[in-house]
Amino acid sequence: MRKVYANADEALAGEIKDGMILMAGGFGLCGVPEVLIEAVRKSGAKDLTFVSNNAGVDGLGLGILLETGQIKKMISSYVGENKIFANLYLAGKLELEFNPQGTLAERIRAGGAGIPAFFTRTGVGTIVAEGKEIRDFENEAYVMETGLIADIALVHAWKGDTEGNLVYRKTARNFNPMMATAGRLTVAEVEHLVEPGQIDGDHIVTPGVYVQRIVHVPNALKRIEQRTTRKRDAA
């Protein structure tokens, strides 16, 4: 099975349809599948639902799809860095399903593991729990949350082999690995592409069985979300 594609446009050709649910990995601006997101933009698909920890920033990540109006709904836990997101939401042009961050992570993991729902104490007594089943366990109230599955999962990995085995670095490991398991079709962009056997088996985070398509993106830009500096000390 050929998994490596020449570019992101080819990897997603004919796969993105209006109204789909997609997942996009990343934490802040770390580990964001920017090249694949750009291919989604070029596809012109609309009314998309995106599951992502955050909504990128203006002009980067999912921000470019908000600018084009291709996203109808976001399922997220943090949206505070994106002005266009706030403007669209307050204008009633964007739906938001807000999740506590741990709950979002577990919903994605559950979807990938075939678990349809689970109970958590997080969010009980808040608007997060409105309209959801509440059940008592050992005299504590728990809210039921459902697992999440995407039509397509877009992930970014530091290294991968041509069989789809993936390795992530540092903060990029927060959401990418679980999203890779929760897509009916998982497409990975990798910074370093190697041959099978060149990755120590103990270092593999996502086994290739979960990944159907791979795009090599060498020299990926390392974005800085919040740059802070201080003056040099006098010599």
C-alpha atoms as a PDB file:
ATOM      1  CA  MET A   1       0.000   0.000   0.000  1.00  0.00           C
ATOM      2  CA  ARG A   2       1.539   3.295  -1.097  1.00  0.00           C
ATOM      3  CA  LYS A   3       1.370   5.745   1.770  1.00  0.00           C
ATOM      4  CA  VAL A   4       3.793   8.507   0.744  1.00  0.00           C
ATOM      5  CA  TYR A   5       2.359  11.257  -1.457  1.00  0.00           C
ATOM      6  CA  ALA A   6       4.274  13.935  -3.331  1.00  0.00           C
ATOM      7  CA  ASN A   7       2.514  16.804  -1.562  1.00  0.00           C
ATOM      8  CA  ALA A   8      -0.437  17.688   0.641  1.00  0.00           C
ATOM      9  CA  ASP A   9      -2.707  18.561  -2.286  1.00  0.00           C
ATOM     10  CA  GLU A  10      -2.207  15.091  -3.733  1.00  0.00           C
ATOM     11  CA  ALA A  11      -2.673  13.398  -0.361  1.00  0.00           C
ATOM     12  CA  LEU A  12      -6.062  15.065   0.159  1.00  0.00           C
ATOM     13  CA  ALA A  13      -7.231  15.122  -3.460  1.00  0.00           C
ATOM     14  CA  GLY A  14     -10.868  14.057  -3.698  1.00  0.00           C
ATOM     15  CA  GLU A  15     -11.105  13.381   0.052  1.00  0.00           C
ATOM     16  CA  ILE A  16     -12.298  16.716   1.475  1.00  0.00           C
ATOM     17  CA  LYS A  17     -16.059  17.143   1.156  1.00  0.00           C
ATOM     18  CA  ASP A  18     -18.454  19.831   2.374  1.00  0.00           C
ATOM     19  CA  GLY A  19     -19.805  19.205   5.866  1.00  0.00           C
ATOM     20  CA  MET A  20     -17.022  16.860   6.983  1.00  0.00           C
ATOM     21  CA  ILE A  21     -15.632  16.522  10.505  1.00  0.00           C
ATOM     22  CA  LEU A  22     -11.854  16.926  10.634  1.00  0.00           C
ATOM     23  CA  MET A  23      -9.281  16.870  13.417  1.00  0.00           C
ATOM     24  CA  ALA A  24      -6.161  19.030  13.377  1.00  0.00           C
ATOM     25  CA  GLY A  25      -3.341  18.306  15.797  1.00  0.00           C
ATOM     26  CA  GLY A  26      -1.222  20.821  17.616  1.00  0.00           C
ATOM     27  CA  PHE A  27      -0.913  22.664  20.890  1.00  0.00           C
ATOM     28  CA  GLY A  28      -0.743  26.406  20.446  1.00  0.00           C
ATOM     29  CA  LEU A  29       1.456  26.749  17.361  1.00  0.00           C
ATOM     30  CA  CYS A  30       3.473  23.611  18.129  1.00  0.00           C
ATOM     31  CA  GLY A  31       2.851  20.510  16.025  1.00  0.00           C
ATOM     32  CA  VAL A  32       0.217  22.128  13.810  1.00  0.00           C
ATOM     33  CA  PRO A  33      -0.221  20.406  10.409  1.00  0.00           C
ATOM     34  CA  GLU A  34       0.080  23.702   8.539  1.00  0.00           C
ATOM     35  CA  VAL A  35       0.787  22.225   5.108  1.00  0.00           C
ATOM     36  CA  LEU A  36      -2.257  19.941   5.280  1.00  0.00           C
ATOM     37  CA  ILE A  37      -4.463  22.779   6.544  1.00  0.00           C
ATOM     38  CA  GLU A  38      -3.369  24.854   3.543  1.00  0.00           C
ATOM     39  CA  ALA A  39      -4.430  21.981   1.283  1.00  0.00           C
ATOM     40  CA  VAL A  40      -7.854  22.009   2.944  1.00  0.00           C
ATOM     41  CA  ARG A  41      -8.080  25.722   2.211  1.00  0.00           C
ATOM     42  CA  LYS A  42      -7.262  25.147  -1.452  1.00  0.00           C
ATOM     43  CA  SER A  43      -9.881  22.386  -1.686  1.00  0.00           C
ATOM     44  CA  GLY A  44     -12.603  25.007  -1.219  1.00  0.00           C
ATOM     45  CA  ALA A  45     -14.663  22.667   0.983  1.00  0.00           C
ATOM     46  CA  LYS A  46     -17.080  24.476   3.283  1.00  0.00           C
ATOM     47  CA  ASP A  47     -19.341  23.908   6.286  1.00  0.00           C
ATOM     48  CA  LEU A  48     -16.516  21.993   7.968  1.00  0.00           C
ATOM     49  CA  THR A  49     -16.409  21.008  11.621  1.00  0.00           C
ATOM     50  CA  PHE A  50     -12.914  21.007  13.122  1.00  0.00           C
ATOM     51  CA  VAL A  51     -11.828  19.302  16.325  1.00  0.00           C
ATOM     52  CA  SER A  52      -8.713  21.052  17.585  1.00  0.00           C
ATOM     53  CA  ASN A  53      -7.358  22.079  20.955  1.00  0.00           C
ATOM     54  CA  ASN A  54      -7.200  25.681  19.775  1.00  0.00           C
ATOM     55  CA  ALA A  55      -8.169  27.604  16.661  1.00  0.00           C
ATOM     56  CA  GLY A  56      -4.725  28.770  15.599  1.00  0.00           C
ATOM     57  CA  VAL A  57      -4.006  32.493  15.387  1.00  0.00           C
ATOM     58  CA  ASP A  58      -4.863  35.102  12.805  1.00  0.00           C
ATOM     59  CA  GLY A  59      -3.276  34.037   9.529  1.00  0.00           C
ATOM     60  CA  LEU A  60      -1.822  30.757  10.810  1.00  0.00           C
ATOM     61  CA  GLY A  61      -3.122  27.235  11.358  1.00  0.00           C
ATOM     62  CA  LEU A  62      -6.896  26.997  11.360  1.00  0.00           C
ATOM     63  CA  GLY A  63      -6.983  30.783  11.293  1.00  0.00           C
ATOM     64  CA  ILE A  64      -6.645  30.664   7.502  1.00  0.00           C
ATOM     65  CA  LEU A  65      -9.806  28.540   7.231  1.00  0.00           C
ATOM     66  CA  LEU A  66     -11.711  30.907   9.500  1.00  0.00           C
ATOM     67  CA  GLU A  67     -10.682  33.769   7.227  1.00  0.00           C
ATOM     68  CA  THR A  68     -12.139  31.991   4.189  1.00  0.00           C
ATOM     69  CA  GLY A  69     -15.334  31.039   6.030  1.00  0.00           C
ATOM     70  CA  GLN A  70     -14.816  27.311   5.453  1.00  0.00           C
ATOM     71  CA  ILE A  71     -15.309  26.320   9.105  1.00  0.00           C
ATOM     72  CA  LYS A  72     -18.872  26.101  10.367  1.00  0.00           C
ATOM     73  CA  LYS A  73     -18.163  24.704  13.838  1.00  0.00           C
ATOM     74  CA  MET A  74     -15.201  24.342  16.198  1.00  0.00           C
ATOM     75  CA  ILE A  75     -14.894  21.701  18.937  1.00  0.00           C
ATOM     76  CA  SER A  76     -12.104  23.162  21.051  1.00  0.00           C
ATOM     77  CA  SER A  77     -10.796  23.961  24.507  1.00  0.00           C
ATOM     78  CA  TYR A  78      -8.860  27.200  23.930  1.00  0.00           C
ATOM     79  CA  VAL A  79      -9.679  29.961  21.458  1.00  0.00           C
ATOM     80  CA  GLY A  80      -8.148  33.044  23.034  1.00  0.00           C
ATOM     81  CA  GLU A  81      -5.417  33.819  20.478  1.00  0.00           C
ATOM     82  CA  ASN A  82      -7.615  34.330  17.435  1.00  0.00           C
ATOM     83  CA  LYS A  83      -9.411  37.639  16.877  1.00  0.00           C
ATOM     84  CA  ILE A  84     -11.253  36.500  13.766  1.00  0.00           C
ATOM     85  CA  PHE A  85     -12.586  33.514  15.726  1.00  0.00           C
ATOM     86  CA  ALA A  86     -14.010  35.835  18.376  1.00  0.00           C
ATOM     87  CA  ASN A  87     -15.542  38.124  15.763  1.00  0.00           C
ATOM     88  CA  LEU A  88     -17.185  35.256  13.878  1.00  0.00           C
ATOM     89  CA  TYR A  89     -18.525  33.676  17.050  1.00  0.00           C
ATOM     90  CA  LEU A  90     -19.943  36.913  18.452  1.00  0.00           C
ATOM     91  CA  ALA A  91     -21.563  37.624  15.070  1.00  0.00           C
ATOM     92  CA  GLY A  92     -23.287  34.231  15.124  1.00  0.00           C
ATOM     93  CA  LYS A  93     -21.335  32.992  12.104  1.00  0.00           C
ATOM     94  CA  LEU A  94     -19.412  30.249  13.887  1.00  0.00           C
ATOM     95  CA  GLU A  95     -20.615  27.481  16.196  1.00  0.00           C
ATOM     96  CA  LEU A  96     -18.518  26.503  19.207  1.00  0.00           C
ATOM     97  CA  GLU A  97     -18.628  23.339  21.282  1.00  0.00           C
ATOM     98  CA  PHE A  98     -16.413  24.258  24.211  1.00  0.00           C
ATOM     99  CA  ASN A  99     -14.623  21.545  26.194  1.00  0.00           C
ATOM    100  CA  PRO A 100     -12.345  21.485  29.217  1.00  0.00           C
ATOM    101  CA  GLN A 101      -8.920  20.598  27.822  1.00  0.00           C
ATOM    102  CA  GLY A 102      -8.630  17.236  29.571  1.00  0.00           C
ATOM    103  CA  THR A 103     -12.149  16.325  28.520  1.00  0.00           C
ATOM    104  CA  LEU A 104     -11.371  17.139  24.903  1.00  0.00           C
ATOM    105  CA  ALA A 105      -8.245  14.990  25.003  1.00  0.00           C
ATOM    106  CA  GLU A 106     -10.159  12.083  26.521  1.00  0.00           C
ATOM    107  CA  ARG A 107     -13.041  12.421  24.031  1.00  0.00           C
ATOM    108  CA  ILE A 108     -10.548  12.065  21.182  1.00  0.00           C
ATOM    109  CA  ARG A 109      -8.734   9.169  22.859  1.00  0.00           C
ATOM    110  CA  ALA A 110     -12.053   7.455  23.529  1.00  0.00           C
ATOM    111  CA  GLY A 111     -13.133   7.818  19.924  1.00  0.00           C
ATOM    112  CA  GLY A 112      -9.891   6.269  18.733  1.00  0.00           C
ATOM    113  CA  ALA A 113     -10.258   3.405  21.211  1.00  0.00           C
ATOM    114  CA  GLY A 114     -13.830   2.640  20.173  1.00  0.00           C
ATOM    115  CA  ILE A 115     -15.330   3.915  23.433  1.00  0.00           C
ATOM    116  CA  PRO A 116     -18.617   5.703  22.676  1.00  0.00           C
ATOM    117  CA  ALA A 117     -18.912   7.609  25.973  1.00  0.00           C
ATOM    118  CA  PHE A 118     -17.448   8.052  29.449  1.00  0.00           C
ATOM    119  CA  PHE A 119     -18.228   9.876  32.690  1.00  0.00           C
ATOM    120  CA  THR A 120     -16.150  12.658  34.273  1.00  0.00           C
ATOM    121  CA  ARG A 121     -16.549  15.057  37.193  1.00  0.00           C
ATOM    122  CA  THR A 122     -15.068  17.901  35.167  1.00  0.00           C
ATOM    123  CA  GLY A 123     -17.725  20.422  34.177  1.00  0.00           C
ATOM    124  CA  VAL A 124     -20.459  19.237  36.538  1.00  0.00           C
ATOM    125  CA  GLY A 125     -22.536  22.206  37.657  1.00  0.00           C
ATOM    126  CA  THR A 126     -21.356  24.432  34.793  1.00  0.00           C
ATOM    127  CA  ILE A 127     -22.668  25.246  31.323  1.00  0.00           C
ATOM    128  CA  VAL A 128     -20.390  22.483  30.016  1.00  0.00           C
ATOM    129  CA  ALA A 129     -22.818  19.947  31.477  1.00  0.00           C
ATOM    130  CA  GLU A 130     -26.021  21.517  30.147  1.00  0.00           C
ATOM    131  CA  GLY A 131     -28.139  19.029  28.210  1.00  0.00           C
ATOM    132  CA  LYS A 132     -25.899  16.082  29.109  1.00  0.00           C
ATOM    133  CA  GLU A 133     -26.635  13.024  31.220  1.00  0.00           C
ATOM    134  CA  ILE A 134     -25.564  13.315  34.862  1.00  0.00           C
ATOM    135  CA  ARG A 135     -25.044  10.127  36.844  1.00  0.00           C
ATOM    136  CA  ASP A 136     -24.117   9.467  40.461  1.00  0.00           C
ATOM    137  CA  PHE A 137     -21.099   7.306  41.309  1.00  0.00           C
ATOM    138  CA  GLU A 138     -20.258   6.827  44.994  1.00  0.00           C
ATOM    139  CA  ASN A 139     -22.214   9.959  45.906  1.00  0.00           C
ATOM    140  CA  GLU A 140     -20.418  12.115  43.341  1.00  0.00           C
ATOM    141  CA  ALA A 141     -22.048  13.595  40.240  1.00  0.00           C
ATOM    142  CA  TYR A 142     -20.463  12.831  36.889  1.00  0.00           C
ATOM    143  CA  VAL A 143     -21.322  14.158  33.431  1.00  0.00           C
ATOM    144  CA  MET A 144     -21.379  11.910  30.390  1.00  0.00           C
ATOM    145  CA  GLU A 145     -19.144  12.921  27.482  1.00  0.00           C
ATOM    146  CA  THR A 146     -19.100  11.217  24.091  1.00  0.00           C
ATOM    147  CA  GLY A 147     -16.083  10.015  22.137  1.00  0.00           C
ATOM    148  CA  LEU A 148     -15.030  11.905  19.020  1.00  0.00           C
ATOM    149  CA  ILE A 149     -14.295  10.429  15.593  1.00  0.00           C
ATOM    150  CA  ALA A 150     -13.308  12.412  12.508  1.00  0.00           C
ATOM    151  CA  ASP A 151     -13.776  11.723   8.837  1.00  0.00           C
ATOM    152  CA  ILE A 152     -10.169  12.865   8.389  1.00  0.00           C
ATOM    153  CA  ALA A 153      -7.442  13.458  10.984  1.00  0.00           C
ATOM    154  CA  LEU A 154      -4.573  15.781  10.072  1.00  0.00           C
ATOM    155  CA  VAL A 155      -1.449  15.353  12.202  1.00  0.00           C
ATOM    156  CA  HIS A 156       2.120  16.648  12.310  1.00  0.00           C
ATOM    157  CA  ALA A 157       5.039  14.450  13.369  1.00  0.00           C
ATOM    158  CA  TRP A 158       8.738  15.115  13.817  1.00  0.00           C
ATOM    159  CA  LYS A 159       9.781  11.845  12.203  1.00  0.00           C
ATOM    160  CA  GLY A 160       8.027   9.064  10.336  1.00  0.00           C
ATOM    161  CA  ASP A 161       8.866   6.138   8.111  1.00  0.00           C
ATOM    162  CA  THR A 162       7.263   5.188   4.836  1.00  0.00           C
ATOM    163  CA  GLU A 163       5.029   2.667   6.647  1.00  0.00           C
ATOM    164  CA  GLY A 164       3.464   5.461   8.697  1.00  0.00           C
ATOM    165  CA  ASN A 165       5.127   4.862  12.068  1.00  0.00           C
ATOM    166  CA  LEU A 166       5.371   8.275  13.740  1.00  0.00           C
ATOM    167  CA  VAL A 167       7.456  10.004  16.400  1.00  0.00           C
ATOM    168  CA  TYR A 168       6.516  13.374  17.932  1.00  0.00           C
ATOM    169  CA  ARG A 169       8.613  15.877  19.858  1.00  0.00           C
ATOM    170  CA  LYS A 170       7.775  17.623  23.094  1.00  0.00           C
ATOM    171  CA  THR A 171       4.507  19.641  23.127  1.00  0.00           C
ATOM    172  CA  ALA A 172       3.529  18.371  19.672  1.00  0.00           C
ATOM    173  CA  ARG A 173       2.776  15.087  21.430  1.00  0.00           C
ATOM    174  CA  ASN A 174      -0.195  16.530  23.325  1.00  0.00           C
ATOM    175  CA  PHE A 175      -2.957  15.998  20.750  1.00  0.00           C
ATOM    176  CA  ASN A 176      -1.426  14.578  17.566  1.00  0.00           C
ATOM    177  CA  PRO A 177      -1.044  10.950  18.755  1.00  0.00           C
ATOM    178  CA  MET A 178      -4.632  10.517  19.927  1.00  0.00           C
ATOM    179  CA  MET A 179      -6.018  12.259  16.835  1.00  0.00           C
ATOM    180  CA  ALA A 180      -4.056   9.866  14.628  1.00  0.00           C
ATOM    181  CA  THR A 181      -6.104   7.010  16.082  1.00  0.00           C
ATOM    182  CA  ALA A 182      -9.471   8.776  15.802  1.00  0.00           C
ATOM    183  CA  GLY A 183      -9.647   9.507  12.068  1.00  0.00           C
ATOM    184  CA  ARG A 184     -11.331   7.249   9.554  1.00  0.00           C
ATOM    185  CA  LEU A 185      -8.586   8.553   7.269  1.00  0.00           C
ATOM    186  CA  THR A 186      -5.386   9.806   8.928  1.00  0.00           C
ATOM    187  CA  VAL A 187      -2.950  11.942   6.959  1.00  0.00           C
ATOM    188  CA  ALA A 188       0.404  12.824   8.532  1.00  0.00           C
ATOM    189  CA  GLU A 189       2.921  15.462   7.561  1.00  0.00           C
ATOM    190  CA  VAL A 190       6.413  14.537   8.784  1.00  0.00           C
ATOM    191  CA  GLU A 191       9.555  16.634   9.043  1.00  0.00           C
ATOM    192  CA  HIS A 192      11.988  13.723   8.672  1.00  0.00           C
ATOM    193  CA  LEU A 193      10.963  10.799   6.455  1.00  0.00           C
ATOM    194  CA  VAL A 194      12.996   7.595   6.772  1.00  0.00           C
ATOM    195  CA  GLU A 195      12.823   3.998   5.629  1.00  0.00           C
ATOM    196  CA  PRO A 196      11.204   1.212   7.690  1.00  0.00           C
ATOM    197  CA  GLY A 197      13.542  -0.036  10.397  1.00  0.00           C
ATOM    198  CA  GLN A 198      15.299   3.293  10.842  1.00  0.00           C
ATOM    199  CA  ILE A 199      13.142   4.231  13.831  1.00  0.00           C
ATOM    200  CA  ASP A 200      13.776   2.366  17.067  1.00  0.00           C
ATOM    201  CA  GLY A 201      10.604   0.437  17.788  1.00  0.00           C
ATOM    202  CA  ASP A 202      10.648   1.680  21.378  1.00  0.00           C
ATOM    203  CA  HIS A 203      10.485   5.260  20.118  1.00  0.00           C
ATOM    204  CA  ILE A 204       7.402   4.866  17.924  1.00  0.00           C
ATOM    205  CA  VAL A 205       4.389   6.686  19.346  1.00  0.00           C
ATOM    206  CA  THR A 206       1.831   6.107  16.578  1.00  0.00           C
ATOM    207  CA  PRO A 207       2.026   2.694  14.841  1.00  0.00           C
ATOM    208  CA  GLY A 208       1.703   2.833  11.066  1.00  0.00           C
ATOM    209  CA  VAL A 209      -1.541   0.843  11.130  1.00  0.00           C
ATOM    210  CA  TYR A 210      -3.317   4.089  12.057  1.00  0.00           C
ATOM    211  CA  VAL A 211      -1.820   6.182   9.241  1.00  0.00           C
ATOM    212  CA  GLN A 212      -2.991   5.895   5.636  1.00  0.00           C
ATOM    213  CA  ARG A 213      -1.176   8.805   3.961  1.00  0.00           C
ATOM    214  CA  ILE A 214       2.102  10.637   4.524  1.00  0.00           C
ATOM    215  CA  VAL A 215       3.546  13.900   3.216  1.00  0.00           C
ATOM    216  CA  HIS A 216       7.190  14.877   3.687  1.00  0.00           C
ATOM    217  CA  VAL A 217       7.548  18.503   4.872  1.00  0.00           C
ATOM    218  CA  PRO A 218      11.260  19.185   5.469  1.00  0.00           C
ATOM    219  CA  ASN A 219      12.362  22.480   6.990  1.00  0.00           C
ATOM    220  CA  ALA A 220       9.018  23.084   8.698  1.00  0.00           C
ATOM    221  CA  LEU A 221       8.848  26.510  10.316  1.00  0.00           C
ATOM    222  CA  LYS A 222       9.007  26.574  14.109  1.00  0.00           C
ATOM    223  CA  ARG A 223       6.477  29.201  15.175  1.00  0.00           C
ATOM    224  CA  ILE A 224       6.723  31.172  18.402  1.00  0.00           C
ATOM    225  CA  GLU A 225       3.306  31.889  19.875  1.00  0.00           C
ATOM    226  CA  GLN A 226       4.357  34.447  22.489  1.00  0.00           C
ATOM    227  CA  ARG A 227       7.791  36.002  22.029  1.00  0.00           C
ATOM    228  CA  THR A 228       9.208  37.614  25.151  1.00  0.00           C
ATOM    229  CA  THR A 229      12.636  39.187  25.440  1.00  0.00           C
ATOM    230  CA  ARG A 230      14.749  41.064  27.982  1.00  0.00           C
ATOM    231  CA  LYS A 231      17.543  43.502  27.628  1.00  0.00           C
ATOM    232  CA  ARG A 232      21.058  42.112  27.675  1.00  0.00           C
ATOM    233  CA  ASP A 233      22.963  42.678  30.885  1.00  0.00           C
ATOM    234  CA  ALA A 234      25.628  45.350  30.632  1.00  0.00           C
ATOM    235  CA  ALA A 235      29.067  43.928  29.835  1.00  0.00           C
END
